[in-house]
Amino acid sequence: MNRIKLISSLLLFFLLLSAAGSSFAQNDQRPPIEPSYDVVLQIVVGGGDDKATTAALPQNLAGIARQLRVNYPYADYKLANTYVGRIGVNGNLEYKSISNVFGQTQQGDTPSFWEWSLGGLRASQNAGGRNDLGLQTFRFGAKIPVRTGSTKDSSGNTQQIVNYENIGLNSARLSMLENTPTLIGSLALPNTLGTAFLVLTLRPV
């Protein structure tokens, strides 16, 4: 009789120990890490200043060039600059920099300043197995130096008068497909007949 009680007690002990271990393992489970994306913002220029530092469009922007030619009569489009960052689902990204998009440098000329951000990234898988992406906000702003005249200093030297002009674009609730260049908007380039186009690509990491 005592032996039966001992066996029963041992079985009950091991059952309780197994249940406790299982409960601990369940409580220790961490939520899966949500995916991240490389953010690639490319500035495409059509009909801009010939002195600007530009390069031929990469192959991945061929579709964007065809899309632009439907609405803009420029003979050619060039890549002015590329900016890269990284963002996770539900995350935000902010970027500030000095730009040489017009062939300017900080040392040799009055620089331009870029500032752009995006936030509230969401992702949901579509029927094709790729992710439809949504952004709550996208903002792009720039301070562009514009020469408005000239004056002479006390030594008789000519000094350029430069004022900064703000240009920018704000958008909310954007949707796009992952790993697909998407035209976000356009900005007129000061002191030229050209236009800058903002192209955004989100690449899964």
N, C-alpha and C. Protein backbone atom coordinates (compact mmCIF):
# COMPACT_ATOMS: atom_id res chain seq x y z
N MET A 1 0.83 -1.21 0.00
CA MET A 1 0.00 0.00 0.00
C MET A 1 0.87 1.26 0.00
N ASN A 2 1.88 1.23 0.88
CA ASN A 2 2.79 2.38 0.94
C ASN A 2 3.53 2.55 -0.38
N ARG A 3 3.82 1.37 -1.00
CA ARG A 3 4.54 1.45 -2.29
C ARG A 3 3.67 2.10 -3.34
N ILE A 4 2.38 1.77 -3.35
CA ILE A 4 1.47 2.37 -4.33
C ILE A 4 1.36 3.86 -4.10
N LYS A 5 1.29 4.28 -2.83
CA LYS A 5 1.22 5.71 -2.52
C LYS A 5 2.49 6.43 -2.96
N LEU A 6 3.64 5.75 -2.78
CA LEU A 6 4.90 6.36 -3.17
C LEU A 6 4.96 6.57 -4.68
N ILE A 7 4.53 5.53 -5.42
CA ILE A 7 4.54 5.63 -6.89
C ILE A 7 3.59 6.73 -7.35
N SER A 8 2.41 6.78 -6.72
CA SER A 8 1.42 7.81 -7.08
C SER A 8 1.97 9.21 -6.80
N SER A 9 2.65 9.37 -5.70
CA SER A 9 3.22 10.67 -5.34
C SER A 9 4.29 11.09 -6.34
N LEU A 10 5.13 10.10 -6.72
CA LEU A 10 6.18 10.40 -7.70
C LEU A 10 5.59 10.80 -9.04
N LEU A 11 4.56 10.07 -9.48
CA LEU A 11 3.91 10.40 -10.76
C LEU A 11 3.31 11.79 -10.72
N LEU A 12 2.66 12.11 -9.59
CA LEU A 12 2.05 13.44 -9.46
C LEU A 12 3.12 14.52 -9.46
N PHE A 13 4.27 14.24 -8.81
CA PHE A 13 5.36 15.21 -8.77
C PHE A 13 5.90 15.49 -10.17
N PHE A 14 6.12 14.40 -10.94
CA PHE A 14 6.66 14.58 -12.29
C PHE A 14 5.65 15.27 -13.22
N LEU A 15 4.36 14.99 -13.03
CA LEU A 15 3.34 15.66 -13.83
C LEU A 15 3.32 17.16 -13.56
N LEU A 16 3.41 17.50 -12.27
CA LEU A 16 3.43 18.92 -11.89
C LEU A 16 4.70 19.60 -12.41
N LEU A 17 5.83 18.88 -12.33
CA LEU A 17 7.10 19.44 -12.81
C LEU A 17 7.06 19.66 -14.32
N SER A 18 6.46 18.71 -15.04
CA SER A 18 6.35 18.83 -16.50
C SER A 18 5.45 20.00 -16.87
N ALA A 19 4.32 20.16 -16.16
CA ALA A 19 3.41 21.27 -16.45
C ALA A 19 4.06 22.60 -16.16
N ALA A 20 4.83 22.67 -15.08
CA ALA A 20 5.51 23.92 -14.74
C ALA A 20 6.54 24.28 -15.79
N GLY A 21 7.28 23.25 -16.28
CA GLY A 21 8.28 23.51 -17.32
C GLY A 21 7.65 23.98 -18.60
N SER A 22 6.51 23.36 -18.94
CA SER A 22 5.81 23.77 -20.16
C SER A 22 5.29 25.19 -20.05
N SER A 23 4.75 25.53 -18.88
CA SER A 23 4.25 26.89 -18.67
C SER A 23 5.38 27.91 -18.72
N PHE A 24 6.52 27.55 -18.16
CA PHE A 24 7.67 28.46 -18.17
C PHE A 24 8.15 28.69 -19.60
N ALA A 25 8.17 27.62 -20.39
CA ALA A 25 8.63 27.74 -21.78
C ALA A 25 7.69 28.63 -22.58
N GLN A 26 6.37 28.48 -22.30
CA GLN A 26 5.41 29.31 -23.02
C GLN A 26 5.57 30.78 -22.64
N ASN A 27 5.77 31.03 -21.35
CA ASN A 27 5.91 32.40 -20.90
C ASN A 27 7.22 33.03 -21.38
N ASP A 28 8.21 32.18 -21.66
CA ASP A 28 9.52 32.69 -22.08
C ASP A 28 9.58 32.98 -23.58
N GLN A 29 8.56 32.56 -24.31
CA GLN A 29 8.56 32.79 -25.75
C GLN A 29 8.48 34.28 -26.04
N ARG A 30 9.38 34.77 -26.90
CA ARG A 30 9.39 36.18 -27.26
C ARG A 30 8.69 36.37 -28.60
N PRO A 31 8.06 37.52 -28.81
CA PRO A 31 7.41 37.76 -30.11
C PRO A 31 8.45 37.77 -31.22
N PRO A 32 8.09 37.29 -32.42
CA PRO A 32 9.05 37.26 -33.52
C PRO A 32 9.50 38.67 -33.91
N ILE A 33 10.75 38.77 -34.34
CA ILE A 33 11.28 40.06 -34.79
C ILE A 33 10.62 40.44 -36.11
N GLU A 34 10.09 41.64 -36.17
CA GLU A 34 9.42 42.09 -37.38
C GLU A 34 10.45 42.44 -38.45
N PRO A 35 10.08 42.30 -39.73
CA PRO A 35 11.05 42.52 -40.81
C PRO A 35 11.51 43.98 -40.89
N SER A 36 12.70 44.14 -41.44
CA SER A 36 13.25 45.47 -41.69
C SER A 36 13.43 45.67 -43.19
N TYR A 37 13.54 46.95 -43.57
CA TYR A 37 13.68 47.30 -44.98
C TYR A 37 14.79 48.31 -45.16
N ASP A 38 15.58 48.11 -46.21
CA ASP A 38 16.49 49.16 -46.65
C ASP A 38 15.69 50.21 -47.40
N VAL A 39 15.86 51.46 -47.01
CA VAL A 39 15.16 52.57 -47.65
C VAL A 39 16.13 53.23 -48.64
N VAL A 40 15.74 53.31 -49.90
CA VAL A 40 16.56 53.92 -50.93
C VAL A 40 15.77 55.08 -51.56
N LEU A 41 16.22 56.30 -51.31
CA LEU A 41 15.60 57.48 -51.90
C LEU A 41 16.54 58.00 -52.99
N GLN A 42 16.04 58.05 -54.22
CA GLN A 42 16.84 58.50 -55.36
C GLN A 42 16.25 59.79 -55.93
N ILE A 43 17.14 60.75 -56.22
CA ILE A 43 16.73 62.02 -56.79
C ILE A 43 17.05 61.99 -58.28
N VAL A 44 16.01 61.99 -59.09
CA VAL A 44 16.15 61.98 -60.54
C VAL A 44 15.87 63.38 -61.06
N VAL A 45 16.75 63.89 -61.93
CA VAL A 45 16.61 65.25 -62.46
C VAL A 45 16.36 65.19 -63.96
N GLY A 46 15.35 65.95 -64.37
CA GLY A 46 15.07 66.11 -65.79
C GLY A 46 15.24 67.56 -66.20
N GLY A 47 16.05 67.81 -67.22
CA GLY A 47 16.22 69.17 -67.73
C GLY A 47 16.86 70.13 -66.77
N GLY A 48 17.74 69.64 -65.89
CA GLY A 48 18.37 70.50 -64.90
C GLY A 48 19.60 71.19 -65.43
N ASP A 49 20.34 71.80 -64.54
CA ASP A 49 21.57 72.52 -64.87
C ASP A 49 22.61 71.54 -65.38
N ASP A 50 23.23 71.83 -66.53
CA ASP A 50 24.24 70.94 -67.09
C ASP A 50 25.46 70.82 -66.20
N LYS A 51 25.67 71.78 -65.28
CA LYS A 51 26.82 71.74 -64.40
C LYS A 51 26.60 70.84 -63.19
N ALA A 52 25.40 70.37 -63.04
CA ALA A 52 25.10 69.55 -61.87
C ALA A 52 25.83 68.22 -61.95
N THR A 53 26.13 67.68 -60.76
CA THR A 53 26.77 66.37 -60.69
C THR A 53 25.69 65.30 -60.85
N THR A 54 25.62 64.70 -62.04
CA THR A 54 24.59 63.71 -62.31
C THR A 54 25.22 62.50 -62.99
N ALA A 55 24.49 61.40 -63.00
CA ALA A 55 24.92 60.17 -63.65
C ALA A 55 23.74 59.58 -64.40
N ALA A 56 24.05 58.69 -65.34
CA ALA A 56 22.97 58.04 -66.09
C ALA A 56 22.09 57.22 -65.14
N LEU A 57 20.82 57.08 -65.51
CA LEU A 57 19.91 56.33 -64.66
C LEU A 57 20.31 54.86 -64.62
N PRO A 58 20.30 54.25 -63.43
CA PRO A 58 20.54 52.80 -63.35
C PRO A 58 19.38 52.03 -63.97
N GLN A 59 19.61 50.77 -64.27
CA GLN A 59 18.62 49.97 -64.97
C GLN A 59 17.33 49.83 -64.18
N ASN A 60 17.42 49.81 -62.85
CA ASN A 60 16.20 49.62 -62.05
C ASN A 60 15.24 50.81 -62.14
N LEU A 61 15.70 51.95 -62.69
CA LEU A 61 14.84 53.12 -62.84
C LEU A 61 14.34 53.31 -64.27
N ALA A 62 14.53 52.31 -65.12
CA ALA A 62 14.07 52.42 -66.50
C ALA A 62 12.55 52.59 -66.57
N GLY A 63 11.83 51.87 -65.72
CA GLY A 63 10.38 52.01 -65.69
C GLY A 63 9.95 53.39 -65.24
N ILE A 64 10.66 53.98 -64.28
CA ILE A 64 10.36 55.33 -63.83
C ILE A 64 10.57 56.32 -64.96
N ALA A 65 11.66 56.16 -65.73
CA ALA A 65 11.93 57.06 -66.86
C ALA A 65 10.80 57.00 -67.88
N ARG A 66 10.31 55.82 -68.18
CA ARG A 66 9.19 55.70 -69.13
C ARG A 66 7.95 56.39 -68.56
N GLN A 67 7.72 56.25 -67.27
CA GLN A 67 6.57 56.89 -66.63
C GLN A 67 6.68 58.41 -66.70
N LEU A 68 7.89 58.94 -66.49
CA LEU A 68 8.08 60.39 -66.51
C LEU A 68 7.90 60.97 -67.91
N ARG A 69 8.35 60.26 -68.92
CA ARG A 69 8.29 60.79 -70.28
C ARG A 69 6.85 60.95 -70.77
N VAL A 70 5.92 60.29 -70.13
CA VAL A 70 4.51 60.45 -70.50
C VAL A 70 4.02 61.85 -70.16
N ASN A 71 4.54 62.42 -69.06
CA ASN A 71 4.04 63.71 -68.58
C ASN A 71 5.03 64.86 -68.69
N TYR A 72 6.32 64.56 -68.89
CA TYR A 72 7.34 65.62 -68.94
C TYR A 72 8.13 65.52 -70.24
N PRO A 73 8.37 66.65 -70.91
CA PRO A 73 8.99 66.62 -72.24
C PRO A 73 10.52 66.63 -72.25
N TYR A 74 11.16 66.30 -71.14
CA TYR A 74 12.61 66.36 -71.10
C TYR A 74 13.22 65.28 -71.99
N ALA A 75 14.33 65.66 -72.64
CA ALA A 75 14.99 64.71 -73.54
C ALA A 75 15.70 63.61 -72.78
N ASP A 76 16.14 63.91 -71.57
CA ASP A 76 16.92 62.92 -70.83
C ASP A 76 16.70 63.12 -69.34
N TYR A 77 16.96 62.06 -68.59
CA TYR A 77 16.85 62.09 -67.15
C TYR A 77 18.15 61.54 -66.56
N LYS A 78 18.61 62.17 -65.48
CA LYS A 78 19.84 61.77 -64.83
C LYS A 78 19.60 61.51 -63.34
N LEU A 79 20.46 60.69 -62.76
CA LEU A 79 20.41 60.43 -61.33
C LEU A 79 21.30 61.43 -60.62
N ALA A 80 20.71 62.28 -59.77
CA ALA A 80 21.47 63.31 -59.07
C ALA A 80 22.10 62.78 -57.79
N ASN A 81 21.37 61.96 -57.04
CA ASN A 81 21.92 61.44 -55.79
C ASN A 81 21.07 60.29 -55.28
N THR A 82 21.67 59.50 -54.40
CA THR A 82 20.99 58.36 -53.78
C THR A 82 21.25 58.41 -52.28
N TYR A 83 20.19 58.24 -51.49
CA TYR A 83 20.30 58.22 -50.03
C TYR A 83 19.77 56.88 -49.52
N VAL A 84 20.44 56.33 -48.51
CA VAL A 84 20.11 55.00 -48.01
C VAL A 84 19.92 55.04 -46.50
N GLY A 85 18.91 54.33 -46.01
CA GLY A 85 18.69 54.18 -44.58
C GLY A 85 18.05 52.83 -44.33
N ARG A 86 17.63 52.59 -43.11
CA ARG A 86 16.96 51.33 -42.77
C ARG A 86 15.85 51.61 -41.78
N ILE A 87 14.75 50.86 -41.93
CA ILE A 87 13.57 51.05 -41.09
C ILE A 87 12.90 49.71 -40.83
N GLY A 88 12.32 49.55 -39.65
CA GLY A 88 11.55 48.36 -39.33
C GLY A 88 10.06 48.66 -39.42
N VAL A 89 9.27 47.60 -39.42
CA VAL A 89 7.82 47.76 -39.43
C VAL A 89 7.40 48.57 -38.21
N ASN A 90 6.53 49.54 -38.42
CA ASN A 90 6.05 50.49 -37.41
C ASN A 90 7.14 51.49 -36.99
N GLY A 91 8.24 51.51 -37.70
CA GLY A 91 9.34 52.40 -37.33
C GLY A 91 9.32 53.72 -38.07
N ASN A 92 10.31 54.56 -37.75
CA ASN A 92 10.47 55.88 -38.36
C ASN A 92 11.92 56.08 -38.77
N LEU A 93 12.14 56.92 -39.76
CA LEU A 93 13.49 57.23 -40.23
C LEU A 93 13.57 58.72 -40.53
N GLU A 94 14.63 59.37 -40.04
CA GLU A 94 14.88 60.78 -40.32
C GLU A 94 16.29 60.94 -40.86
N TYR A 95 16.45 61.81 -41.85
CA TYR A 95 17.74 61.97 -42.52
C TYR A 95 17.96 63.45 -42.81
N LYS A 96 19.17 63.95 -42.47
CA LYS A 96 19.56 65.32 -42.76
C LYS A 96 20.96 65.31 -43.34
N SER A 97 21.21 66.14 -44.35
CA SER A 97 22.55 66.16 -44.93
C SER A 97 22.76 67.41 -45.76
N ILE A 98 24.04 67.68 -46.03
CA ILE A 98 24.41 68.67 -47.04
C ILE A 98 24.42 67.96 -48.38
N SER A 99 23.89 68.61 -49.41
CA SER A 99 23.75 67.96 -50.70
C SER A 99 24.63 68.61 -51.75
N ASN A 100 25.11 67.80 -52.68
CA ASN A 100 25.82 68.32 -53.85
C ASN A 100 25.03 68.03 -55.12
N VAL A 101 23.71 67.99 -54.97
CA VAL A 101 22.86 67.61 -56.08
C VAL A 101 22.96 68.58 -57.26
N PHE A 102 23.40 69.82 -57.00
CA PHE A 102 23.56 70.80 -58.08
C PHE A 102 25.03 71.05 -58.40
N GLY A 103 25.89 70.08 -58.04
CA GLY A 103 27.30 70.24 -58.32
C GLY A 103 28.00 71.15 -57.34
N GLN A 104 27.37 71.44 -56.20
CA GLN A 104 27.93 72.33 -55.21
C GLN A 104 28.64 71.52 -54.12
N THR A 105 29.61 72.11 -53.49
CA THR A 105 30.28 71.49 -52.35
C THR A 105 30.31 72.48 -51.20
N GLN A 106 30.48 71.96 -50.03
CA GLN A 106 30.48 72.82 -48.85
C GLN A 106 31.65 73.79 -48.88
N GLN A 107 32.81 73.33 -49.40
CA GLN A 107 33.97 74.19 -49.41
C GLN A 107 33.94 75.18 -50.57
N GLY A 108 33.47 74.75 -51.75
CA GLY A 108 33.62 75.57 -52.94
C GLY A 108 32.44 76.45 -53.27
N ASP A 109 31.31 76.24 -52.66
CA ASP A 109 30.13 77.02 -53.02
C ASP A 109 29.15 76.97 -51.86
N THR A 110 28.08 77.73 -51.98
CA THR A 110 27.03 77.70 -50.96
C THR A 110 26.28 76.38 -51.06
N PRO A 111 26.24 75.59 -49.99
CA PRO A 111 25.66 74.25 -50.09
C PRO A 111 24.13 74.27 -50.05
N SER A 112 23.55 73.18 -50.50
CA SER A 112 22.13 72.92 -50.30
C SER A 112 21.98 71.97 -49.11
N PHE A 113 20.81 72.00 -48.48
CA PHE A 113 20.57 71.15 -47.33
C PHE A 113 19.31 70.32 -47.59
N TRP A 114 19.46 69.00 -47.45
CA TRP A 114 18.32 68.10 -47.58
C TRP A 114 17.84 67.66 -46.20
N GLU A 115 16.55 67.44 -46.07
CA GLU A 115 15.98 66.85 -44.86
C GLU A 115 14.76 66.04 -45.27
N TRP A 116 14.79 64.74 -45.00
CA TRP A 116 13.64 63.92 -45.35
C TRP A 116 13.37 62.88 -44.28
N SER A 117 12.14 62.45 -44.20
CA SER A 117 11.76 61.48 -43.17
C SER A 117 10.57 60.68 -43.64
N LEU A 118 10.42 59.51 -43.07
CA LEU A 118 9.23 58.68 -43.31
C LEU A 118 8.92 57.93 -42.03
N GLY A 119 7.67 57.56 -41.86
CA GLY A 119 7.28 56.90 -40.62
C GLY A 119 6.01 56.09 -40.75
N GLY A 120 5.81 55.22 -39.76
CA GLY A 120 4.60 54.41 -39.70
C GLY A 120 4.55 53.34 -40.77
N LEU A 121 5.67 52.64 -41.01
CA LEU A 121 5.70 51.60 -42.04
C LEU A 121 4.85 50.40 -41.62
N ARG A 122 4.01 49.94 -42.53
CA ARG A 122 3.19 48.75 -42.32
C ARG A 122 3.40 47.81 -43.50
N ALA A 123 3.25 46.49 -43.26
CA ALA A 123 3.44 45.50 -44.32
C ALA A 123 2.39 44.41 -44.19
N SER A 124 1.84 43.99 -45.33
CA SER A 124 0.89 42.87 -45.36
C SER A 124 1.11 42.09 -46.66
N GLN A 125 1.14 40.78 -46.55
CA GLN A 125 1.43 39.94 -47.70
C GLN A 125 0.23 39.86 -48.64
N ASN A 126 0.49 40.01 -49.94
CA ASN A 126 -0.58 39.93 -50.93
C ASN A 126 -0.64 38.52 -51.52
N ALA A 127 -1.55 38.33 -52.49
CA ALA A 127 -1.76 37.01 -53.08
C ALA A 127 -0.54 36.51 -53.82
N GLY A 128 0.31 37.42 -54.29
CA GLY A 128 1.50 37.03 -55.03
C GLY A 128 2.67 36.67 -54.14
N GLY A 129 2.51 36.72 -52.82
CA GLY A 129 3.57 36.37 -51.91
C GLY A 129 4.51 37.52 -51.58
N ARG A 130 4.28 38.70 -52.15
CA ARG A 130 5.08 39.87 -51.83
C ARG A 130 4.30 40.76 -50.86
N ASN A 131 4.99 41.71 -50.27
CA ASN A 131 4.35 42.57 -49.28
C ASN A 131 3.86 43.88 -49.89
N ASP A 132 2.60 44.19 -49.61
CA ASP A 132 2.09 45.54 -49.86
C ASP A 132 2.51 46.39 -48.67
N LEU A 133 3.13 47.54 -48.96
CA LEU A 133 3.65 48.39 -47.90
C LEU A 133 2.85 49.67 -47.80
N GLY A 134 2.72 50.17 -46.61
CA GLY A 134 2.05 51.44 -46.39
C GLY A 134 2.88 52.34 -45.50
N LEU A 135 2.90 53.63 -45.80
CA LEU A 135 3.59 54.62 -44.99
C LEU A 135 2.59 55.64 -44.49
N GLN A 136 2.64 55.92 -43.22
CA GLN A 136 1.76 56.95 -42.67
C GLN A 136 2.19 58.34 -43.13
N THR A 137 3.49 58.59 -43.17
CA THR A 137 3.96 59.92 -43.56
C THR A 137 5.25 59.81 -44.38
N PHE A 138 5.40 60.75 -45.30
CA PHE A 138 6.67 60.96 -46.01
C PHE A 138 6.85 62.46 -46.17
N ARG A 139 8.05 62.93 -45.79
CA ARG A 139 8.33 64.36 -45.88
C ARG A 139 9.70 64.57 -46.48
N PHE A 140 9.78 65.50 -47.43
CA PHE A 140 11.05 65.87 -48.04
C PHE A 140 11.13 67.39 -48.08
N GLY A 141 12.22 67.94 -47.55
CA GLY A 141 12.41 69.39 -47.57
C GLY A 141 13.84 69.72 -47.92
N ALA A 142 14.04 70.86 -48.56
CA ALA A 142 15.38 71.30 -48.93
C ALA A 142 15.48 72.80 -48.85
N LYS A 143 16.68 73.26 -48.48
CA LYS A 143 17.00 74.69 -48.52
C LYS A 143 18.01 74.88 -49.65
N ILE A 144 17.59 75.63 -50.67
CA ILE A 144 18.37 75.78 -51.89
C ILE A 144 18.90 77.21 -51.98
N PRO A 145 20.20 77.40 -52.18
CA PRO A 145 20.73 78.76 -52.34
C PRO A 145 20.36 79.34 -53.70
N VAL A 146 19.84 80.55 -53.69
CA VAL A 146 19.46 81.24 -54.93
C VAL A 146 20.16 82.59 -54.97
N ARG A 147 20.96 82.82 -56.00
CA ARG A 147 21.63 84.12 -56.14
C ARG A 147 20.62 85.15 -56.64
N THR A 148 20.47 86.20 -55.86
CA THR A 148 19.47 87.22 -56.19
C THR A 148 20.10 88.54 -56.64
N GLY A 149 21.40 88.63 -56.62
CA GLY A 149 22.05 89.87 -57.05
C GLY A 149 23.49 89.89 -56.60
N SER A 150 24.09 91.06 -56.65
CA SER A 150 25.49 91.20 -56.23
C SER A 150 25.70 92.61 -55.67
N THR A 151 26.76 92.75 -54.92
CA THR A 151 27.11 94.03 -54.34
C THR A 151 28.62 94.12 -54.23
N LYS A 152 29.15 95.32 -54.00
CA LYS A 152 30.59 95.49 -53.83
C LYS A 152 30.90 95.78 -52.37
N ASP A 153 31.94 95.13 -51.87
CA ASP A 153 32.34 95.37 -50.50
C ASP A 153 33.24 96.60 -50.41
N SER A 154 33.76 96.86 -49.22
CA SER A 154 34.57 98.06 -49.00
C SER A 154 35.87 98.06 -49.81
N SER A 155 36.29 96.87 -50.25
CA SER A 155 37.51 96.77 -51.04
C SER A 155 37.25 96.85 -52.54
N GLY A 156 35.98 96.98 -52.89
CA GLY A 156 35.63 97.03 -54.30
C GLY A 156 35.41 95.69 -54.95
N ASN A 157 35.48 94.60 -54.15
CA ASN A 157 35.27 93.27 -54.69
C ASN A 157 33.77 92.97 -54.79
N THR A 158 33.40 92.25 -55.83
CA THR A 158 31.99 91.90 -56.03
C THR A 158 31.63 90.70 -55.16
N GLN A 159 30.56 90.84 -54.43
CA GLN A 159 30.06 89.77 -53.57
C GLN A 159 28.66 89.39 -54.01
N GLN A 160 28.47 88.08 -54.18
CA GLN A 160 27.14 87.60 -54.56
C GLN A 160 26.17 87.69 -53.38
N ILE A 161 24.94 88.05 -53.68
CA ILE A 161 23.87 88.04 -52.67
C ILE A 161 23.10 86.73 -52.84
N VAL A 162 23.09 85.93 -51.79
CA VAL A 162 22.46 84.61 -51.85
C VAL A 162 21.38 84.52 -50.79
N ASN A 163 20.19 84.13 -51.21
CA ASN A 163 19.10 83.83 -50.29
C ASN A 163 18.75 82.36 -50.40
N TYR A 164 18.31 81.78 -49.29
CA TYR A 164 17.91 80.38 -49.30
C TYR A 164 16.41 80.27 -49.55
N GLU A 165 16.06 79.42 -50.48
CA GLU A 165 14.66 79.17 -50.81
C GLU A 165 14.29 77.78 -50.33
N ASN A 166 13.16 77.68 -49.64
CA ASN A 166 12.67 76.38 -49.17
C ASN A 166 11.80 75.72 -50.22
N ILE A 167 12.11 74.47 -50.51
CA ILE A 167 11.23 73.67 -51.35
C ILE A 167 10.95 72.38 -50.60
N GLY A 168 9.85 71.71 -50.91
CA GLY A 168 9.56 70.49 -50.18
C GLY A 168 8.29 69.82 -50.64
N LEU A 169 8.06 68.67 -50.05
CA LEU A 169 6.89 67.86 -50.37
C LEU A 169 6.50 67.06 -49.14
N ASN A 170 5.24 67.09 -48.78
CA ASN A 170 4.71 66.30 -47.68
C ASN A 170 3.58 65.42 -48.20
N SER A 171 3.57 64.17 -47.76
CA SER A 171 2.51 63.26 -48.18
C SER A 171 2.16 62.33 -47.03
N ALA A 172 0.91 61.86 -47.02
CA ALA A 172 0.45 60.97 -45.96
C ALA A 172 -0.29 59.78 -46.56
N ARG A 173 -0.16 58.64 -45.88
CA ARG A 173 -0.87 57.41 -46.25
C ARG A 173 -0.50 56.99 -47.67
N LEU A 174 0.77 56.70 -47.86
CA LEU A 174 1.26 56.21 -49.14
C LEU A 174 1.22 54.69 -49.16
N SER A 175 1.02 54.10 -50.33
CA SER A 175 1.09 52.65 -50.50
C SER A 175 2.03 52.33 -51.65
N MET A 176 2.74 51.23 -51.54
CA MET A 176 3.69 50.82 -52.56
C MET A 176 3.98 49.34 -52.40
N LEU A 177 4.64 48.76 -53.39
CA LEU A 177 5.03 47.36 -53.36
C LEU A 177 6.50 47.26 -53.01
N GLU A 178 6.86 46.29 -52.16
CA GLU A 178 8.25 46.18 -51.76
C GLU A 178 9.17 45.91 -52.95
N ASN A 179 10.38 46.42 -52.87
CA ASN A 179 11.43 46.23 -53.88
C ASN A 179 11.04 46.77 -55.25
N THR A 180 10.17 47.78 -55.26
CA THR A 180 9.71 48.38 -56.51
C THR A 180 9.89 49.89 -56.45
N PRO A 181 10.73 50.50 -57.32
CA PRO A 181 10.87 51.96 -57.32
C PRO A 181 9.52 52.63 -57.56
N THR A 182 9.19 53.60 -56.71
CA THR A 182 7.89 54.27 -56.75
C THR A 182 8.09 55.77 -56.79
N LEU A 183 7.48 56.42 -57.76
CA LEU A 183 7.57 57.87 -57.88
C LEU A 183 6.69 58.51 -56.81
N ILE A 184 7.31 59.33 -55.94
CA ILE A 184 6.60 59.95 -54.83
C ILE A 184 6.10 61.34 -55.20
N GLY A 185 6.90 62.11 -55.94
CA GLY A 185 6.48 63.46 -56.30
C GLY A 185 7.58 64.18 -57.05
N SER A 186 7.31 65.45 -57.38
CA SER A 186 8.26 66.25 -58.15
C SER A 186 8.43 67.62 -57.51
N LEU A 187 9.60 68.23 -57.77
CA LEU A 187 9.91 69.56 -57.26
C LEU A 187 10.58 70.37 -58.36
N ALA A 188 10.14 71.61 -58.55
CA ALA A 188 10.82 72.49 -59.51
C ALA A 188 12.17 72.89 -58.96
N LEU A 189 13.18 72.93 -59.84
CA LEU A 189 14.52 73.32 -59.43
C LEU A 189 14.70 74.82 -59.58
N PRO A 190 15.06 75.52 -58.51
CA PRO A 190 15.23 76.98 -58.58
C PRO A 190 16.30 77.37 -59.60
N ASN A 191 16.06 78.47 -60.31
CA ASN A 191 17.01 79.04 -61.27
C ASN A 191 17.29 78.12 -62.46
N THR A 192 16.46 77.13 -62.70
CA THR A 192 16.60 76.28 -63.89
C THR A 192 15.20 75.99 -64.41
N LEU A 193 15.16 75.37 -65.59
CA LEU A 193 13.89 74.91 -66.14
C LEU A 193 13.65 73.44 -65.82
N GLY A 194 14.49 72.89 -64.96
CA GLY A 194 14.43 71.47 -64.67
C GLY A 194 13.51 71.13 -63.52
N THR A 195 13.35 69.82 -63.32
CA THR A 195 12.49 69.29 -62.27
C THR A 195 13.21 68.13 -61.59
N ALA A 196 13.10 68.07 -60.27
CA ALA A 196 13.63 66.94 -59.51
C ALA A 196 12.49 66.00 -59.16
N PHE A 197 12.73 64.71 -59.28
CA PHE A 197 11.72 63.69 -59.00
C PHE A 197 12.22 62.80 -57.87
N LEU A 198 11.35 62.53 -56.90
CA LEU A 198 11.69 61.71 -55.75
C LEU A 198 11.20 60.29 -55.99
N VAL A 199 12.13 59.34 -55.98
CA VAL A 199 11.80 57.94 -56.22
C VAL A 199 12.20 57.14 -54.99
N LEU A 200 11.24 56.42 -54.41
CA LEU A 200 11.47 55.67 -53.17
C LEU A 200 11.36 54.18 -53.43
N THR A 201 12.33 53.42 -52.88
CA THR A 201 12.31 51.96 -52.96
C THR A 201 12.54 51.39 -51.57
N LEU A 202 11.72 50.42 -51.16
CA LEU A 202 11.87 49.73 -49.89
C LEU A 202 12.22 48.28 -50.18
N ARG A 203 13.44 47.88 -49.82
CA ARG A 203 13.93 46.54 -50.11
C ARG A 203 13.97 45.71 -48.85
N PRO A 204 13.33 44.52 -48.84
CA PRO A 204 13.36 43.70 -47.63
C PRO A 204 14.78 43.24 -47.32
N VAL A 205 15.13 43.24 -46.05
CA VAL A 205 16.48 42.84 -45.63
C VAL A 205 16.51 41.35 -45.38
